[in-house]
Amino acid sequence: MSKTDIYIQENLATWLSPFFDEDTRKTIEQLQTNNLEELNDSFYKNLEFGTGGMRGVMGVGTNRINKYTLGKNTQGLSDYLHQTYTNQSIKVVIAFDCRHNSKSFAKIVADVFSANGIEVFLFEDLRATPELSFALKHLGCQCGIVLTASHNPPEYNGYKVYWEDGGQLVPPFDGEIINLINSLEYTDINFSSKEELIHLIGKDVDDVFINAAVKNGSLKVNTAASRENLSVVFTALHGTSITAVPETLKRAGYTNVHLVEEQSVPDGDFPTVKSPNPEEPEALKMALELAENVGADIVIGTDPDCDRLGIAVRDYDNNMVMLNGNQTMIMMTKFLLDLWDNSGSINGNQFVGSTIVSSPMIIKLVEAYNVECKIGLTGFKWIAKMIKDFPGMDFIGGGEESFGFMVGDFVRDKDAVTSTLLACEIAAYTKTNDSSFFKELVNTYIEHGFYKERLISITKKGIEGSEEIKNIMESARKNPVTLINGSKVVTVEDFKLSVCKNLISNTTEAISIPKADVLIYTTEDGSKVALRPSGTEPKIKFYISVNAILASSAEFITTETALDAKIDAIIKDMKLI
């Protein structure tokens, strides 16, 4: 019997004990009889904290989201809070999204916290994730929880943990908490709630948050007329953004906003889309159709927990085109930098945050304004940590390739509420000044270089899939690629080993960024390929970036075609598809 088999059997013995409710035990017995593959996948490991917290399929078992895995995590977190904040009144705030069981899971989490003598502020109904981050600081809490699985399929749910600065957990706290959780038995969970410690919150926090979003996401250069003149199509994709985005746009002065009504009703089945992921063009299909009917200037859709957004704008031929996350990040950063620059506020003490797998263009853009670009690991928790680590510097904004952006530091996570407003502000300003969102993007390419990126995600599910991803990374580490699409690899950055090796000079340099299972190849022609296992999904991801000089807008299409062909060639050369 293998170690995995022994581990599964030990977990099964625990979960069939009387502590677990009858429905849980019956479900396990049914799996033992009818579906051994599902049983093994449910118990072969514990759900892990990734870049976006703990996320997984709902069901029974240690590798599933359920009453007991959530309860054990919350018990461990409660113990850690008491150890950390001694002789203090401890407060937490809890939010949840539109997914199945999110509301009941949120109440279970609230019950465990209260059972441990911790005061709980529980949102009365679904709310956007950035509002949770905001509420944590607004209410003076030490910790925040949001029940969400972001854009994952309907069978998923998740548990994201935020600390007192409003950002997600980062080392060393995450490791310390995980160790404490792992030291607990399920029988250590206290489910006996103290209802007097649980307070429902709602509109009082909403109003403060939305007003802050309007303040931070507005460009002073716009007028009431320019905002009224912009036609916007917005879709919530059945998620939480419907609670905040329409009202934010209204308060900012946008009166010509068209909602995709069929997708405005929160629904954990996400019935009108294959995937509620604004990265995928298919998710915005209904919004794009509505845009053609009403002649909209811009289309925006947000994911279920409203921390990421997808944008479509009109190109030179007046056709709607989807922007990728890097393009959105570049434009939002540029306009924030212009705002700071035009007001004379840049003095060399400002910074922008991004990640190791985002477009290298962000560094060139930011440095052109005499502003530092700080680069961290994937995940917005690392950008939030930058704000905490450099309190003497001004944080302008931060973004990453996965369609997330943060405007200022009033929220310490990616924030699709404020970012939606900022996107509309850019579109309104450019339209008023005989330009467009798209034209200004092209102008930015002309000035700073034309960078084009593409993400290849390969899904590997289950126990075998997890091993396959591990083997891919080990093989790449042992036998690094030396030639990509005919161009020599100059450097191999191994973030797990914290080493950057120059293959030309045969020298090495230390990497100061925290360790992560990521490899990045950079070639002589400036192409980059990053390999990274997902922290929240059973996927391995390949991030490809190429670039070229763009001499004029007239050459945009031919240059873009050439860059796309180059990416295709890299994919073929590396046998990624």
Protein backbone atom coordinates (compact mmCIF):
# COMPACT_ATOMS: atom_id res chain seq x y z
CA MET A 1 0.00 0.00 0.00
CA SER A 2 1.41 3.40 -1.03
CA LYS A 3 1.82 6.39 1.30
CA THR A 4 -1.10 8.07 -0.50
CA ASP A 5 -3.33 5.01 0.04
CA ILE A 6 -2.44 4.89 3.74
CA TYR A 7 -3.16 8.62 4.04
CA ILE A 8 -6.55 8.18 2.37
CA GLN A 9 -7.48 5.29 4.68
CA GLU A 10 -6.51 7.27 7.78
CA ASN A 11 -8.61 10.23 6.63
CA LEU A 12 -11.57 7.97 5.89
CA ALA A 13 -11.42 6.45 9.39
CA THR A 14 -11.53 9.94 10.89
CA TRP A 15 -14.40 11.16 8.72
CA LEU A 16 -16.52 8.08 9.45
CA SER A 17 -16.32 8.75 13.21
CA PRO A 18 -19.40 10.02 15.15
CA PHE A 19 -18.09 13.63 15.25
CA PHE A 20 -19.05 14.05 11.60
CA ASP A 21 -22.75 14.43 10.79
CA GLU A 22 -24.82 11.59 9.42
CA ASP A 23 -25.15 13.07 5.91
CA THR A 24 -21.37 13.32 5.58
CA ARG A 25 -20.85 9.72 6.69
CA LYS A 26 -23.58 8.43 4.36
CA THR A 27 -22.05 10.28 1.40
CA ILE A 28 -18.65 8.74 2.12
CA GLU A 29 -20.17 5.25 2.32
CA GLN A 30 -21.88 5.80 -1.03
CA LEU A 31 -18.59 6.88 -2.59
CA GLN A 32 -16.90 3.77 -1.18
CA THR A 33 -19.47 1.66 -2.98
CA ASN A 34 -20.01 3.58 -6.20
CA ASN A 35 -17.11 5.94 -7.00
CA LEU A 36 -13.66 5.06 -5.71
CA GLU A 37 -11.97 7.57 -8.01
CA GLU A 38 -13.99 10.46 -6.55
CA LEU A 39 -13.41 9.10 -3.04
CA ASN A 40 -9.64 9.01 -3.51
CA ASP A 41 -9.55 12.51 -5.00
CA SER A 42 -11.61 13.81 -2.06
CA PHE A 43 -9.23 12.47 0.58
CA TYR A 44 -5.72 12.14 -0.89
CA LYS A 45 -4.57 15.55 0.37
CA ASN A 46 -5.65 18.67 2.26
CA LEU A 47 -6.83 21.71 0.36
CA GLU A 48 -3.95 24.15 0.18
CA PHE A 49 -3.65 27.92 0.30
CA GLY A 50 -2.60 29.19 -3.13
CA THR A 51 -2.24 32.67 -4.63
CA GLY A 52 -5.94 33.28 -4.02
CA GLY A 53 -6.46 31.47 -0.70
CA MET A 54 -8.11 28.09 -0.34
CA ARG A 55 -10.23 27.08 -3.32
CA GLY A 56 -11.72 23.74 -4.31
CA VAL A 57 -14.68 21.62 -5.30
CA MET A 58 -17.53 21.44 -2.77
CA GLY A 59 -18.17 18.03 -1.23
CA VAL A 60 -17.04 15.69 1.55
CA GLY A 61 -13.37 15.10 2.31
CA THR A 62 -10.12 16.80 3.20
CA ASN A 63 -9.61 17.95 -0.41
CA ARG A 64 -13.03 19.58 -0.64
CA ILE A 65 -14.78 22.71 0.56
CA ASN A 66 -17.26 21.76 3.28
CA LYS A 67 -18.38 22.53 6.82
CA TYR A 68 -15.44 20.71 8.36
CA THR A 69 -12.55 21.96 6.22
CA LEU A 70 -13.86 25.51 6.60
CA GLY A 71 -14.42 24.94 10.31
CA LYS A 72 -10.92 23.58 10.88
CA ASN A 73 -9.34 26.47 9.02
CA THR A 74 -11.41 28.96 10.97
CA GLN A 75 -10.62 27.28 14.29
CA GLY A 76 -6.90 27.46 13.51
CA LEU A 77 -7.25 31.07 12.44
CA SER A 78 -9.15 31.88 15.65
CA ASP A 79 -6.39 30.32 17.74
CA TYR A 80 -3.76 32.28 15.80
CA LEU A 81 -5.63 35.56 16.25
CA HIS A 82 -5.77 35.00 20.01
CA GLN A 83 -2.04 34.20 20.07
CA THR A 84 -1.18 37.28 17.99
CA TYR A 85 -3.49 39.88 19.47
CA THR A 86 -3.22 39.19 23.18
CA ASN A 87 -5.25 41.30 25.58
CA GLN A 88 -7.15 42.85 22.65
CA SER A 89 -10.72 42.76 21.48
CA ILE A 90 -10.56 40.82 18.23
CA LYS A 91 -12.88 41.61 15.32
CA VAL A 92 -13.33 39.96 11.92
CA VAL A 93 -15.49 40.83 8.92
CA ILE A 94 -16.98 38.21 6.57
CA ALA A 95 -18.34 38.55 3.03
CA PHE A 96 -19.54 36.02 0.48
CA ASP A 97 -20.34 35.79 -3.21
CA CYS A 98 -23.19 34.37 -5.31
CA ARG A 99 -22.08 30.74 -5.32
CA HIS A 100 -24.04 27.80 -4.03
CA ASN A 101 -23.63 27.45 -0.26
CA SER A 102 -21.61 30.68 0.06
CA LYS A 103 -24.13 32.24 2.43
CA SER A 104 -24.42 29.14 4.62
CA PHE A 105 -20.63 28.66 4.58
CA ALA A 106 -20.21 32.28 5.68
CA LYS A 107 -22.53 31.65 8.63
CA ILE A 108 -20.55 28.53 9.62
CA VAL A 109 -17.35 30.55 9.58
CA ALA A 110 -19.04 33.30 11.63
CA ASP A 111 -20.26 30.68 14.11
CA VAL A 112 -16.77 29.28 14.70
CA PHE A 113 -15.24 32.72 15.15
CA SER A 114 -17.95 33.74 17.61
CA ALA A 115 -17.65 30.42 19.46
CA ASN A 116 -14.05 31.42 20.08
CA GLY A 117 -15.03 34.79 21.55
CA ILE A 118 -14.31 36.83 18.41
CA GLU A 119 -16.63 39.65 17.34
CA VAL A 120 -17.96 39.16 13.81
CA PHE A 121 -19.28 41.64 11.24
CA LEU A 122 -21.16 39.55 8.68
CA PHE A 123 -22.48 41.08 5.46
CA GLU A 124 -26.21 40.51 5.25
CA ASP A 125 -26.01 39.39 1.62
CA LEU A 126 -23.51 38.94 -1.18
CA ARG A 127 -20.88 41.65 -1.64
CA ALA A 128 -17.89 42.33 -3.90
CA THR A 129 -14.50 41.14 -2.65
CA PRO A 130 -12.90 44.63 -2.77
CA GLU A 131 -15.60 45.86 -0.39
CA LEU A 132 -14.48 43.17 2.08
CA SER A 133 -10.92 44.46 1.89
CA PHE A 134 -12.17 48.01 2.41
CA ALA A 135 -14.52 47.06 5.26
CA LEU A 136 -11.72 45.34 7.17
CA LYS A 137 -9.84 48.60 7.65
CA HIS A 138 -13.00 50.72 7.84
CA LEU A 139 -14.33 48.67 10.77
CA GLY A 140 -10.95 48.29 12.49
CA CYS A 141 -10.82 44.50 12.19
CA GLN A 142 -7.75 42.31 12.48
CA CYS A 143 -8.93 39.78 9.92
CA GLY A 144 -11.36 39.37 7.04
CA ILE A 145 -12.79 36.38 5.19
CA VAL A 146 -14.56 36.16 1.86
CA LEU A 147 -16.27 32.98 0.68
CA THR A 148 -15.65 32.84 -3.06
CA ALA A 149 -14.09 30.77 -5.83
CA SER A 150 -13.77 33.72 -8.17
CA HIS A 151 -14.32 32.59 -11.80
CA ASN A 152 -14.03 28.84 -11.18
CA PRO A 153 -16.83 26.49 -12.34
CA PRO A 154 -20.10 26.25 -10.34
CA GLU A 155 -19.00 23.21 -8.32
CA TYR A 156 -16.20 25.25 -6.67
CA ASN A 157 -16.11 27.49 -3.64
CA GLY A 158 -13.32 29.07 -1.65
CA TYR A 159 -12.04 30.86 1.43
CA LYS A 160 -9.79 33.91 1.18
CA VAL A 161 -8.14 35.33 4.28
CA TYR A 162 -7.26 39.02 4.73
CA TRP A 163 -5.16 40.62 7.46
CA GLU A 164 -5.46 43.93 9.29
CA ASP A 165 -3.84 45.98 6.48
CA GLY A 166 -6.67 44.87 4.16
CA GLY A 167 -4.42 42.63 2.05
CA GLN A 168 -4.47 38.86 1.74
CA LEU A 169 -2.28 36.68 3.93
CA VAL A 170 1.42 36.62 3.07
CA PRO A 171 4.46 34.95 4.62
CA PRO A 172 5.27 34.35 7.38
CA PHE A 173 1.70 34.58 8.66
CA ASP A 174 0.23 32.15 6.11
CA GLY A 175 2.74 29.44 6.96
CA GLU A 176 2.31 29.94 10.70
CA ILE A 177 -1.48 29.71 10.38
CA ILE A 178 -1.31 26.65 8.12
CA ASN A 179 0.99 24.89 10.61
CA LEU A 180 -1.45 25.66 13.40
CA ILE A 181 -4.40 24.41 11.34
CA ASN A 182 -2.55 21.19 10.50
CA SER A 183 -1.83 20.59 14.19
CA LEU A 184 -5.56 20.52 14.99
CA GLU A 185 -7.94 17.59 14.97
CA TYR A 186 -11.40 18.05 13.52
CA THR A 187 -12.77 17.43 16.99
CA ASP A 188 -11.03 20.65 18.09
CA ILE A 189 -13.50 22.74 16.05
CA ASN A 190 -15.94 24.74 18.19
CA PHE A 191 -19.16 25.14 16.21
CA SER A 192 -21.20 26.46 19.18
CA SER A 193 -21.87 30.02 18.05
CA LYS A 194 -22.38 33.02 20.32
CA GLU A 195 -25.01 34.89 18.33
CA GLU A 196 -24.60 38.05 20.41
CA LEU A 197 -21.13 38.46 18.88
CA ILE A 198 -22.38 38.32 15.26
CA HIS A 199 -23.54 41.64 13.75
CA LEU A 200 -25.10 41.97 10.30
CA ILE A 201 -23.79 44.83 8.15
CA GLY A 202 -24.80 46.22 4.77
CA LYS A 203 -25.77 49.60 3.36
CA ASP A 204 -23.86 51.60 5.97
CA VAL A 205 -20.58 50.11 4.70
CA ASP A 206 -21.73 50.10 1.04
CA ASP A 207 -22.17 53.86 0.98
CA VAL A 208 -18.72 54.61 2.38
CA PHE A 209 -17.07 52.11 0.04
CA ILE A 210 -18.83 53.36 -3.10
CA ASN A 211 -18.02 56.97 -2.27
CA ALA A 212 -14.36 56.02 -1.83
CA ALA A 213 -14.42 54.17 -5.17
CA VAL A 214 -15.81 57.27 -6.89
CA LYS A 215 -13.15 59.47 -5.30
CA ASN A 216 -10.25 57.19 -6.23
CA GLY A 217 -11.44 56.12 -9.68
CA SER A 218 -12.35 59.56 -11.07
CA LEU A 219 -10.08 61.60 -13.35
CA LYS A 220 -10.25 65.33 -12.64
CA VAL A 221 -9.95 66.08 -16.37
CA ASN A 222 -13.45 64.77 -17.11
CA THR A 223 -16.61 66.85 -17.09
CA ALA A 224 -20.23 65.97 -16.43
CA ALA A 225 -20.88 66.28 -20.16
CA SER A 226 -18.07 63.89 -21.15
CA ARG A 227 -19.39 61.27 -18.73
CA GLU A 228 -22.97 61.62 -19.91
CA ASN A 229 -21.79 61.32 -23.52
CA LEU A 230 -20.17 57.90 -22.96
CA SER A 231 -22.29 54.84 -23.74
CA VAL A 232 -21.40 51.92 -21.48
CA VAL A 233 -22.51 48.28 -21.49
CA PHE A 234 -21.92 46.45 -18.23
CA THR A 235 -22.44 42.82 -17.28
CA ALA A 236 -22.15 41.34 -13.80
CA LEU A 237 -21.95 37.77 -15.20
CA HIS A 238 -24.42 36.70 -12.47
CA GLY A 239 -22.01 37.84 -9.76
CA THR A 240 -21.63 40.28 -6.89
CA SER A 241 -20.70 43.37 -8.87
CA ILE A 242 -24.36 44.20 -9.36
CA THR A 243 -24.34 45.35 -5.71
CA ALA A 244 -21.72 48.05 -6.30
CA VAL A 245 -20.72 48.83 -9.90
CA PRO A 246 -23.97 50.35 -11.28
CA GLU A 247 -24.30 52.62 -8.24
CA THR A 248 -20.63 53.63 -8.45
CA LEU A 249 -21.02 54.63 -12.10
CA LYS A 250 -24.23 56.50 -11.29
CA ARG A 251 -22.65 58.49 -8.46
CA ALA A 252 -19.69 59.33 -10.72
CA GLY A 253 -22.05 60.83 -13.31
CA TYR A 254 -22.48 58.05 -15.88
CA THR A 255 -26.11 58.12 -16.96
CA ASN A 256 -25.87 56.17 -20.23
CA VAL A 257 -25.19 52.71 -18.75
CA HIS A 258 -26.82 49.63 -20.25
CA LEU A 259 -26.94 46.51 -18.07
CA VAL A 260 -27.10 43.00 -19.51
CA GLU A 261 -30.27 42.25 -17.59
CA GLU A 262 -30.14 38.46 -18.16
CA GLN A 263 -26.77 38.42 -16.35
CA SER A 264 -27.64 40.93 -13.63
CA VAL A 265 -29.33 38.37 -11.38
CA PRO A 266 -26.82 36.63 -9.07
CA ASP A 267 -26.82 32.90 -9.80
CA GLY A 268 -24.25 30.31 -8.77
CA ASP A 269 -25.06 28.19 -11.83
CA PHE A 270 -23.95 31.00 -14.15
CA PRO A 271 -26.63 29.85 -16.61
CA THR A 272 -25.84 32.13 -19.57
CA VAL A 273 -22.09 31.46 -19.80
CA LYS A 274 -19.83 28.45 -20.13
CA SER A 275 -17.46 30.14 -17.68
CA PRO A 276 -17.99 33.40 -15.73
CA ASN A 277 -14.46 34.48 -16.57
CA PRO A 278 -14.08 37.93 -18.17
CA GLU A 279 -10.74 36.81 -19.61
CA GLU A 280 -12.67 34.68 -22.09
CA PRO A 281 -14.38 36.47 -25.01
CA GLU A 282 -17.29 34.05 -24.86
CA ALA A 283 -18.23 35.32 -21.40
CA LEU A 284 -18.87 38.80 -22.82
CA LYS A 285 -20.82 37.60 -25.88
CA MET A 286 -24.19 38.90 -24.65
CA ALA A 287 -22.63 42.20 -23.59
CA LEU A 288 -20.99 42.63 -26.99
CA GLU A 289 -24.30 41.94 -28.74
CA LEU A 290 -26.01 44.56 -26.59
CA ALA A 291 -23.18 47.01 -27.37
CA GLU A 292 -23.91 46.71 -31.08
CA ASN A 293 -27.62 47.26 -30.50
CA VAL A 294 -27.11 50.44 -28.46
CA GLY A 295 -23.93 51.71 -30.13
CA ALA A 296 -21.88 51.54 -26.95
CA ASP A 297 -18.34 52.91 -26.70
CA ILE A 298 -17.10 50.41 -24.13
CA VAL A 299 -18.09 47.00 -22.72
CA ILE A 300 -17.08 45.89 -19.23
CA GLY A 301 -17.72 42.59 -17.46
CA THR A 302 -16.61 41.47 -14.02
CA ASP A 303 -16.02 38.05 -12.52
CA PRO A 304 -18.35 36.62 -9.81
CA ASP A 305 -16.57 38.18 -6.83
CA CYS A 306 -15.88 41.45 -8.68
CA ASP A 307 -12.14 41.69 -8.30
CA ARG A 308 -11.28 41.30 -12.02
CA LEU A 309 -12.68 42.92 -15.15
CA GLY A 310 -12.68 42.33 -18.88
CA ILE A 311 -12.92 45.27 -21.27
CA ALA A 312 -13.84 45.61 -24.94
CA VAL A 313 -13.42 48.86 -26.88
CA ARG A 314 -13.85 49.97 -30.48
CA ASP A 315 -10.84 49.73 -32.79
CA TYR A 316 -9.93 51.81 -35.85
CA ASP A 317 -12.72 50.14 -37.84
CA ASN A 318 -15.29 50.70 -35.09
CA ASN A 319 -15.33 46.99 -34.23
CA MET A 320 -15.42 45.86 -30.62
CA VAL A 321 -12.16 44.19 -29.59
CA MET A 322 -11.32 42.54 -26.29
CA LEU A 323 -8.34 43.87 -24.37
CA ASN A 324 -6.18 41.44 -22.46
CA GLY A 325 -5.20 42.01 -18.85
CA ASN A 326 -1.82 43.47 -19.73
CA GLN A 327 -3.35 46.02 -22.10
CA THR A 328 -5.87 47.10 -19.48
CA MET A 329 -3.10 47.38 -16.88
CA ILE A 330 -0.95 49.48 -19.22
CA MET A 331 -3.75 51.94 -20.00
CA MET A 332 -4.91 52.35 -16.42
CA THR A 333 -1.36 52.83 -15.21
CA LYS A 334 -0.62 55.37 -17.95
CA PHE A 335 -3.63 57.52 -17.13
CA LEU A 336 -2.92 57.42 -13.39
CA LEU A 337 0.69 58.41 -14.10
CA ASP A 338 -0.51 61.25 -16.32
CA LEU A 339 -2.83 62.40 -13.53
CA TRP A 340 0.03 62.46 -11.03
CA ASP A 341 2.44 64.02 -13.53
CA ASN A 342 0.09 66.80 -14.65
CA SER A 343 -0.56 67.77 -11.04
CA GLY A 344 3.19 68.01 -10.36
CA SER A 345 3.01 65.28 -7.71
CA ILE A 346 5.78 63.00 -9.02
CA ASN A 347 9.01 63.55 -7.09
CA GLY A 348 10.78 60.18 -7.31
CA ASN A 349 9.04 58.80 -4.22
CA GLN A 350 6.21 56.99 -6.05
CA PHE A 351 5.82 53.41 -7.20
CA VAL A 352 3.60 51.10 -9.23
CA GLY A 353 3.23 47.39 -8.45
CA SER A 354 3.12 44.44 -10.84
CA THR A 355 4.13 40.77 -11.08
CA ILE A 356 6.82 38.56 -12.60
CA VAL A 357 4.46 37.12 -15.24
CA SER A 358 2.91 40.41 -16.34
CA SER A 359 4.03 42.34 -19.42
CA PRO A 360 7.61 43.70 -19.24
CA MET A 361 6.17 46.80 -20.88
CA ILE A 362 4.87 47.97 -17.52
CA ILE A 363 8.46 48.54 -16.35
CA LYS A 364 9.35 50.64 -19.41
CA LEU A 365 6.16 52.69 -19.10
CA VAL A 366 6.51 53.43 -15.40
CA GLU A 367 10.20 54.28 -15.46
CA ALA A 368 9.56 56.82 -18.25
CA TYR A 369 7.70 58.88 -15.62
CA ASN A 370 10.55 58.70 -13.06
CA VAL A 371 8.47 56.29 -11.03
CA GLU A 372 9.68 52.97 -9.63
CA CYS A 373 8.03 49.75 -10.77
CA LYS A 374 8.18 47.12 -8.05
CA ILE A 375 7.78 43.52 -9.22
CA GLY A 376 6.47 40.71 -7.02
CA LEU A 377 5.16 37.18 -7.30
CA THR A 378 1.83 36.39 -8.91
CA GLY A 379 -1.15 37.38 -6.80
CA PHE A 380 -2.34 40.73 -5.52
CA LYS A 381 -1.36 39.89 -1.97
CA TRP A 382 2.21 40.67 -3.01
CA ILE A 383 1.25 44.07 -4.40
CA ALA A 384 -0.64 44.85 -1.18
CA LYS A 385 2.46 43.79 0.76
CA MET A 386 4.53 46.36 -1.18
CA ILE A 387 2.33 49.13 0.23
CA LYS A 388 2.88 47.77 3.72
CA ASP A 389 6.64 47.31 3.20
CA PHE A 390 7.21 50.84 1.83
CA PRO A 391 5.02 53.11 3.96
CA GLY A 392 7.14 56.14 3.10
CA MET A 393 6.38 55.89 -0.62
CA ASP A 394 3.25 56.85 -2.55
CA PHE A 395 1.45 53.94 -4.20
CA ILE A 396 -0.11 54.99 -7.50
CA GLY A 397 -1.66 51.72 -8.59
CA GLY A 398 -0.92 48.12 -9.42
CA GLY A 399 -1.94 45.47 -11.90
CA GLU A 400 -1.28 42.01 -13.23
CA GLU A 401 -1.92 40.10 -16.41
CA SER A 402 -4.90 38.19 -15.02
CA PHE A 403 -7.30 41.12 -15.48
CA GLY A 404 -6.85 42.62 -12.02
CA PHE A 405 -6.04 46.22 -11.09
CA MET A 406 -5.89 48.29 -7.91
CA VAL A 407 -6.32 52.07 -7.90
CA GLY A 408 -4.54 53.67 -4.96
CA ASP A 409 -4.34 51.98 -1.59
CA PHE A 410 -7.82 52.42 -0.09
CA VAL A 411 -8.51 48.81 -1.12
CA ARG A 412 -5.66 46.33 -0.70
CA ASP A 413 -6.72 43.83 -3.35
CA LYS A 414 -7.60 43.89 -7.02
CA ASP A 415 -10.74 45.99 -7.32
CA ALA A 416 -13.07 45.72 -10.30
CA VAL A 417 -15.47 48.30 -8.84
CA THR A 418 -13.01 51.21 -8.92
CA SER A 419 -11.27 49.85 -12.03
CA THR A 420 -14.57 49.76 -13.94
CA LEU A 421 -15.03 53.44 -13.18
CA LEU A 422 -11.43 54.23 -14.17
CA ALA A 423 -11.91 52.42 -17.50
CA CYS A 424 -15.00 54.53 -18.18
CA GLU A 425 -13.11 57.67 -17.20
CA ILE A 426 -10.37 56.87 -19.74
CA ALA A 427 -12.95 56.14 -22.44
CA ALA A 428 -14.88 59.35 -21.69
CA TYR A 429 -11.77 61.54 -21.71
CA THR A 430 -10.35 60.12 -24.94
CA LYS A 431 -13.73 60.36 -26.70
CA THR A 432 -14.12 63.99 -25.70
CA ASN A 433 -10.63 64.74 -27.04
CA ASP A 434 -11.21 63.23 -30.51
CA SER A 435 -9.37 60.05 -29.67
CA SER A 436 -10.39 56.72 -28.15
CA PHE A 437 -9.30 54.15 -25.60
CA PHE A 438 -7.90 52.02 -28.41
CA LYS A 439 -6.08 54.87 -30.19
CA GLU A 440 -4.37 55.87 -26.93
CA LEU A 441 -3.27 52.28 -26.39
CA VAL A 442 -1.66 52.26 -29.82
CA ASN A 443 0.00 55.63 -29.12
CA THR A 444 1.44 54.14 -25.94
CA TYR A 445 2.89 51.27 -27.99
CA ILE A 446 4.48 53.77 -30.35
CA GLU A 447 6.10 55.60 -27.46
CA HIS A 448 7.23 52.68 -25.31
CA GLY A 449 7.35 49.63 -27.61
CA PHE A 450 4.69 47.19 -28.78
CA TYR A 451 4.47 44.28 -26.36
CA LYS A 452 2.12 41.38 -27.03
CA GLU A 453 1.33 38.58 -24.63
CA ARG A 454 -0.55 35.32 -24.61
CA LEU A 455 -1.39 32.80 -21.91
CA ILE A 456 -1.51 29.05 -22.53
CA SER A 457 -3.22 27.09 -19.73
CA ILE A 458 -3.05 23.31 -19.70
CA THR A 459 -5.46 21.51 -17.34
CA LYS A 460 -4.23 18.43 -15.45
CA LYS A 461 -6.88 17.17 -13.02
CA GLY A 462 -6.72 14.80 -10.08
CA ILE A 463 -3.84 12.91 -8.46
CA GLU A 464 -2.22 11.99 -11.78
CA GLY A 465 -2.57 15.55 -13.08
CA SER A 466 -0.90 16.99 -10.00
CA GLU A 467 2.05 14.60 -10.48
CA GLU A 468 2.25 15.45 -14.18
CA ILE A 469 2.48 19.19 -13.46
CA LYS A 470 5.17 18.50 -10.86
CA ASN A 471 7.12 16.42 -13.39
CA ILE A 472 6.87 19.11 -16.08
CA MET A 473 8.40 21.68 -13.73
CA GLU A 474 11.12 19.29 -12.52
CA SER A 475 12.04 18.40 -16.09
CA ALA A 476 12.21 22.06 -17.13
CA ARG A 477 14.39 22.79 -14.12
CA LYS A 478 16.81 19.93 -14.78
CA ASN A 479 16.93 20.42 -18.54
CA PRO A 480 16.35 24.13 -19.25
CA VAL A 481 15.52 25.19 -22.78
CA THR A 482 18.49 26.87 -24.51
CA LEU A 483 16.80 27.90 -27.77
CA ILE A 484 13.25 29.23 -28.27
CA ASN A 485 12.00 29.76 -31.80
CA GLY A 486 15.55 30.12 -33.07
CA SER A 487 16.60 32.69 -30.47
CA LYS A 488 19.16 31.82 -27.79
CA VAL A 489 17.98 31.80 -24.20
CA VAL A 490 20.03 34.38 -22.33
CA THR A 491 18.70 33.98 -18.79
CA VAL A 492 16.77 31.36 -16.83
CA GLU A 493 15.16 32.72 -13.68
CA ASP A 494 14.32 29.98 -11.19
CA PHE A 495 12.21 31.47 -8.43
CA LYS A 496 12.10 28.19 -6.52
CA LEU A 497 15.88 28.14 -6.23
CA SER A 498 16.10 31.99 -6.09
CA VAL A 499 18.70 31.98 -8.86
CA CYS A 500 18.98 33.76 -12.21
CA LYS A 501 21.46 31.99 -14.49
CA ASN A 502 22.95 33.70 -17.53
CA LEU A 503 23.54 30.96 -20.10
CA ILE A 504 25.76 33.18 -22.27
CA SER A 505 28.22 34.31 -19.60
CA ASN A 506 27.66 31.24 -17.41
CA THR A 507 27.13 33.45 -14.36
CA THR A 508 24.44 33.44 -11.68
CA GLU A 509 22.70 36.10 -9.63
CA ALA A 510 20.50 35.77 -6.57
CA ILE A 511 16.79 36.57 -6.86
CA SER A 512 15.50 38.58 -3.90
CA ILE A 513 11.81 37.91 -4.54
CA PRO A 514 10.31 35.20 -2.25
CA LYS A 515 10.47 31.61 -3.48
CA ALA A 516 7.84 30.26 -5.86
CA ASP A 517 7.58 27.41 -8.34
CA VAL A 518 8.16 29.59 -11.41
CA LEU A 519 10.67 29.48 -14.27
CA ILE A 520 11.19 32.38 -16.69
CA TYR A 521 13.21 32.17 -19.91
CA THR A 522 14.40 35.38 -21.63
CA THR A 523 15.84 35.19 -25.15
CA GLU A 524 18.26 37.34 -27.16
CA ASP A 525 15.39 38.87 -29.15
CA GLY A 526 13.59 39.96 -25.96
CA SER A 527 10.96 37.22 -25.88
CA LYS A 528 9.94 35.82 -22.51
CA VAL A 529 8.32 32.53 -21.56
CA ALA A 530 7.26 31.84 -17.97
CA LEU A 531 6.19 28.45 -16.59
CA ARG A 532 4.01 28.43 -13.48
CA PRO A 533 1.64 25.91 -11.87
CA SER A 534 -1.63 27.60 -10.89
CA GLY A 535 -2.15 28.15 -7.17
CA THR A 536 -5.93 27.87 -7.39
CA GLU A 537 -6.71 25.50 -10.29
CA PRO A 538 -5.36 22.15 -11.60
CA LYS A 539 -3.42 23.88 -14.38
CA ILE A 540 0.08 24.65 -15.52
CA LYS A 541 0.37 28.03 -17.19
CA PHE A 542 2.77 29.30 -19.87
CA TYR A 543 3.05 33.08 -20.19
CA ILE A 544 4.52 34.26 -23.50
CA SER A 545 5.66 37.83 -24.22
CA VAL A 546 7.15 39.23 -27.43
CA ASN A 547 7.81 42.79 -28.55
CA ALA A 548 8.68 45.00 -31.50
CA ILE A 549 9.09 48.66 -32.41
CA LEU A 550 5.89 50.31 -33.65
CA ALA A 551 6.83 53.24 -35.85
CA SER A 552 3.32 54.59 -36.47
CA SER A 553 -0.36 53.77 -36.07
CA ALA A 554 -0.47 52.90 -39.79
CA GLU A 555 1.79 49.93 -39.05
CA PHE A 556 -0.22 48.65 -36.09
CA ILE A 557 -2.05 45.82 -37.86
CA THR A 558 1.00 44.47 -39.70
CA THR A 559 3.13 44.66 -36.54
CA GLU A 560 0.47 42.98 -34.44
CA THR A 561 0.10 40.23 -37.04
CA ALA A 562 3.85 39.66 -36.96
CA LEU A 563 3.88 39.49 -33.14
CA ASP A 564 0.96 37.03 -33.10
CA ALA A 565 2.79 34.87 -35.65
CA LYS A 566 5.88 34.96 -33.45
CA ILE A 567 3.87 33.78 -30.45
CA ASP A 568 2.34 31.00 -32.57
CA ALA A 569 5.85 29.93 -33.57
CA ILE A 570 7.01 29.86 -29.94
CA ILE A 571 3.99 27.73 -28.96
CA LYS A 572 4.77 25.31 -31.81
CA ASP A 573 8.47 25.24 -31.02
CA MET A 574 7.83 24.46 -27.34
CA LYS A 575 5.05 21.96 -28.21
CA LEU A 576 2.56 23.65 -25.88
CA ILE A 577 -0.47 22.70 -27.98
